[in-house]
């Protein structure tokens, strides 16, 4: 589950919480006010996702090379 950062307009408290994307957080854990929260965008989540994408791309390329080598070896064995 992703981690989200919130700011309370009532008391100014900032906090992070882990919850599902479909969940809606409305209660401040500090002052217990309702519907005063603003979700703060987190840039590092974007960076993390892009680095994971790069790892996946690298893994795909590596596996393609392995398959090419295996195919070549199999043809030589025939």
N, C-alpha and C. Protein backbone atom coordinates (compact mmCIF):
# COMPACT_ATOMS: atom_id res chain seq x y z
N UNK A 1 0.83 -1.19 0.00
CA UNK A 1 0.00 0.00 0.00
C UNK A 1 0.88 1.25 0.00
N UNK A 2 0.42 2.28 -0.69
CA UNK A 2 1.22 3.51 -0.75
C UNK A 2 1.13 4.33 0.53
N UNK A 3 2.15 5.17 0.72
CA UNK A 3 2.19 6.08 1.87
C UNK A 3 1.81 7.48 1.37
N UNK A 4 0.91 8.14 2.08
CA UNK A 4 0.45 9.47 1.71
C UNK A 4 0.78 10.46 2.82
N UNK A 5 1.03 11.70 2.44
CA UNK A 5 1.32 12.77 3.38
C UNK A 5 0.14 13.74 3.37
N UNK A 6 -0.30 14.15 4.56
CA UNK A 6 -1.44 15.06 4.69
C UNK A 6 -1.07 16.25 5.56
N UNK A 7 -1.79 17.35 5.37
CA UNK A 7 -1.65 18.55 6.17
C UNK A 7 -3.03 18.96 6.64
N UNK A 8 -3.16 19.28 7.94
CA UNK A 8 -4.44 19.68 8.52
C UNK A 8 -4.53 21.21 8.52
N UNK A 9 -5.56 21.75 7.90
CA UNK A 9 -5.76 23.20 7.85
C UNK A 9 -6.19 23.76 9.21
N UNK A 10 -6.74 22.91 10.06
CA UNK A 10 -7.22 23.35 11.38
C UNK A 10 -6.06 23.60 12.35
N UNK A 11 -5.14 22.63 12.45
CA UNK A 11 -4.07 22.74 13.45
C UNK A 11 -2.66 22.84 12.83
N UNK A 12 -2.55 22.64 11.51
CA UNK A 12 -1.25 22.72 10.85
C UNK A 12 -0.41 21.46 10.96
N UNK A 13 -0.96 20.42 11.54
CA UNK A 13 -0.23 19.15 11.72
C UNK A 13 -0.01 18.48 10.36
N UNK A 14 1.21 17.99 10.15
CA UNK A 14 1.55 17.23 8.96
C UNK A 14 1.84 15.80 9.39
N UNK A 15 1.33 14.83 8.63
CA UNK A 15 1.56 13.44 8.98
C UNK A 15 1.53 12.56 7.74
N UNK A 16 2.13 11.39 7.88
CA UNK A 16 2.12 10.39 6.82
C UNK A 16 1.30 9.21 7.29
N UNK A 17 0.60 8.61 6.35
CA UNK A 17 -0.22 7.44 6.68
C UNK A 17 -0.21 6.50 5.48
N UNK A 18 -0.22 5.21 5.76
CA UNK A 18 -0.27 4.20 4.71
C UNK A 18 -1.71 3.71 4.62
N UNK A 19 -2.25 3.79 3.41
CA UNK A 19 -3.61 3.28 3.20
C UNK A 19 -3.83 2.95 1.74
N UNK A 20 -4.91 2.26 1.44
CA UNK A 20 -5.23 1.90 0.07
C UNK A 20 -5.63 3.15 -0.71
N UNK A 21 -5.42 3.10 -2.03
CA UNK A 21 -5.75 4.26 -2.87
C UNK A 21 -7.24 4.60 -2.78
N UNK A 22 -8.08 3.60 -2.59
CA UNK A 22 -9.53 3.83 -2.56
C UNK A 22 -10.02 4.41 -1.24
N UNK A 23 -9.20 4.37 -0.19
CA UNK A 23 -9.60 4.91 1.11
C UNK A 23 -9.54 6.43 1.11
N UNK A 24 -10.44 7.05 1.86
CA UNK A 24 -10.47 8.49 2.00
C UNK A 24 -10.20 8.82 3.47
N UNK A 25 -9.18 9.63 3.72
CA UNK A 25 -8.82 10.03 5.08
C UNK A 25 -9.42 11.41 5.34
N UNK A 26 -10.22 11.54 6.40
CA UNK A 26 -10.87 12.82 6.70
C UNK A 26 -10.61 13.30 8.12
N UNK A 27 -10.02 12.47 8.98
CA UNK A 27 -9.85 12.81 10.39
C UNK A 27 -8.38 13.08 10.71
N UNK A 28 -8.11 14.25 11.30
CA UNK A 28 -6.76 14.58 11.72
C UNK A 28 -6.44 13.84 13.02
N UNK A 29 -5.31 13.11 13.07
CA UNK A 29 -4.98 12.37 14.28
C UNK A 29 -4.54 13.27 15.43
N UNK A 30 -4.20 14.52 15.15
CA UNK A 30 -3.73 15.45 16.19
C UNK A 30 -4.89 16.18 16.87
N UNK A 31 -5.71 16.88 16.07
CA UNK A 31 -6.78 17.70 16.66
C UNK A 31 -8.17 17.08 16.46
N UNK A 32 -8.25 15.99 15.73
CA UNK A 32 -9.48 15.24 15.48
C UNK A 32 -10.52 16.04 14.69
N UNK A 33 -10.09 17.07 13.97
CA UNK A 33 -11.03 17.80 13.12
C UNK A 33 -11.34 16.94 11.89
N UNK A 34 -12.52 17.17 11.34
CA UNK A 34 -12.99 16.38 10.21
C UNK A 34 -13.02 17.26 8.96
N UNK A 35 -12.63 16.68 7.82
CA UNK A 35 -12.67 17.34 6.52
C UNK A 35 -11.80 18.59 6.43
N UNK A 36 -10.67 18.62 7.14
CA UNK A 36 -9.74 19.74 7.08
C UNK A 36 -8.39 19.33 6.50
N UNK A 37 -8.32 18.11 5.95
CA UNK A 37 -7.05 17.57 5.47
C UNK A 37 -6.83 17.86 3.99
N UNK A 38 -5.56 18.13 3.66
CA UNK A 38 -5.14 18.30 2.28
C UNK A 38 -4.02 17.31 2.01
N UNK A 39 -4.16 16.54 0.93
CA UNK A 39 -3.12 15.59 0.56
C UNK A 39 -1.98 16.35 -0.08
N UNK A 40 -0.75 16.08 0.39
CA UNK A 40 0.45 16.75 -0.12
C UNK A 40 1.09 15.83 -1.16
N UNK A 41 1.30 16.32 -2.39
CA UNK A 41 1.93 15.48 -3.42
C UNK A 41 3.35 15.08 -3.01
N UNK A 42 3.72 13.85 -3.31
CA UNK A 42 5.03 13.31 -2.96
C UNK A 42 5.81 13.00 -4.23
N UNK A 43 6.83 13.78 -4.55
CA UNK A 43 7.62 13.61 -5.76
C UNK A 43 8.43 12.31 -5.72
N UNK A 44 8.94 11.89 -4.55
CA UNK A 44 9.79 10.71 -4.50
C UNK A 44 9.05 9.46 -4.97
N UNK A 45 7.72 9.41 -4.86
CA UNK A 45 6.98 8.25 -5.37
C UNK A 45 7.14 8.13 -6.88
N UNK A 46 7.17 9.24 -7.58
CA UNK A 46 7.35 9.24 -9.02
C UNK A 46 8.74 8.75 -9.37
N UNK A 47 9.74 9.22 -8.64
CA UNK A 47 11.12 8.79 -8.89
C UNK A 47 11.26 7.30 -8.66
N UNK A 48 10.66 6.81 -7.59
CA UNK A 48 10.74 5.39 -7.28
C UNK A 48 10.11 4.56 -8.39
N UNK A 49 8.97 4.99 -8.87
CA UNK A 49 8.28 4.25 -9.93
C UNK A 49 9.11 4.22 -11.20
N UNK A 50 9.77 5.34 -11.53
CA UNK A 50 10.57 5.35 -12.75
C UNK A 50 11.80 4.46 -12.62
N UNK A 51 12.39 4.38 -11.44
CA UNK A 51 13.55 3.51 -11.28
C UNK A 51 13.14 2.05 -11.36
N UNK A 52 11.96 1.72 -10.88
CA UNK A 52 11.45 0.36 -10.99
C UNK A 52 11.21 0.04 -12.46
N UNK A 53 10.68 0.99 -13.22
CA UNK A 53 10.47 0.79 -14.65
C UNK A 53 11.77 0.51 -15.37
N UNK A 54 12.83 1.20 -14.98
CA UNK A 54 14.15 0.99 -15.58
C UNK A 54 14.66 -0.42 -15.26
N UNK A 55 14.46 -0.87 -14.03
CA UNK A 55 14.87 -2.22 -13.66
C UNK A 55 14.12 -3.27 -14.48
N UNK A 56 12.84 -3.05 -14.70
CA UNK A 56 12.04 -3.98 -15.49
C UNK A 56 12.54 -4.01 -16.93
N UNK A 57 12.78 -2.83 -17.51
CA UNK A 57 13.30 -2.76 -18.88
C UNK A 57 14.64 -3.49 -18.99
N UNK A 58 15.53 -3.27 -18.05
CA UNK A 58 16.84 -3.93 -18.07
C UNK A 58 16.68 -5.44 -17.97
N UNK A 59 15.78 -5.90 -17.13
CA UNK A 59 15.54 -7.32 -16.96
C UNK A 59 14.99 -7.94 -18.25
N UNK A 60 14.08 -7.24 -18.91
CA UNK A 60 13.52 -7.73 -20.17
C UNK A 60 14.61 -7.86 -21.22
N UNK A 61 15.46 -6.84 -21.34
CA UNK A 61 16.55 -6.89 -22.32
C UNK A 61 17.50 -8.05 -22.02
N UNK A 62 17.82 -8.24 -20.76
CA UNK A 62 18.72 -9.33 -20.36
C UNK A 62 18.11 -10.68 -20.72
N UNK A 63 16.83 -10.85 -20.45
CA UNK A 63 16.15 -12.11 -20.76
C UNK A 63 16.04 -12.34 -22.26
N UNK A 64 15.87 -11.28 -23.04
CA UNK A 64 15.85 -11.41 -24.50
C UNK A 64 17.19 -11.94 -25.00
N UNK A 65 18.28 -11.43 -24.46
CA UNK A 65 19.61 -11.89 -24.85
C UNK A 65 19.81 -13.36 -24.48
N UNK A 66 19.37 -13.74 -23.31
CA UNK A 66 19.49 -15.14 -22.88
C UNK A 66 18.71 -16.04 -23.83
N UNK A 67 17.48 -15.64 -24.20
CA UNK A 67 16.67 -16.44 -25.11
C UNK A 67 17.31 -16.54 -26.49
N UNK A 68 17.89 -15.45 -26.98
CA UNK A 68 18.59 -15.48 -28.27
C UNK A 68 19.76 -16.47 -28.23
N UNK A 69 20.53 -16.43 -27.15
CA UNK A 69 21.67 -17.34 -27.00
C UNK A 69 21.21 -18.80 -26.94
N UNK A 70 20.13 -19.05 -26.21
CA UNK A 70 19.61 -20.41 -26.11
C UNK A 70 19.10 -20.90 -27.46
N UNK A 71 18.42 -20.03 -28.20
CA UNK A 71 17.92 -20.39 -29.52
C UNK A 71 19.08 -20.70 -30.46
N UNK A 72 20.11 -19.88 -30.42
CA UNK A 72 21.29 -20.09 -31.26
C UNK A 72 21.95 -21.42 -30.90
N UNK A 73 22.09 -21.71 -29.64
CA UNK A 73 22.70 -22.96 -29.18
C UNK A 73 21.87 -24.15 -29.63
N UNK A 74 20.58 -24.05 -29.55
CA UNK A 74 19.70 -25.15 -29.94
C UNK A 74 19.83 -25.42 -31.45
N UNK A 75 19.90 -24.36 -32.25
CA UNK A 75 20.06 -24.53 -33.70
C UNK A 75 21.39 -25.16 -34.03
N UNK A 76 22.43 -24.81 -33.29
CA UNK A 76 23.75 -25.41 -33.51
C UNK A 76 23.75 -26.89 -33.14
N UNK A 77 22.97 -27.27 -32.14
CA UNK A 77 22.91 -28.66 -31.70
C UNK A 77 22.19 -29.55 -32.71
N UNK A 78 21.35 -28.95 -33.53
CA UNK A 78 20.61 -29.75 -34.52
C UNK A 78 21.51 -30.06 -35.63
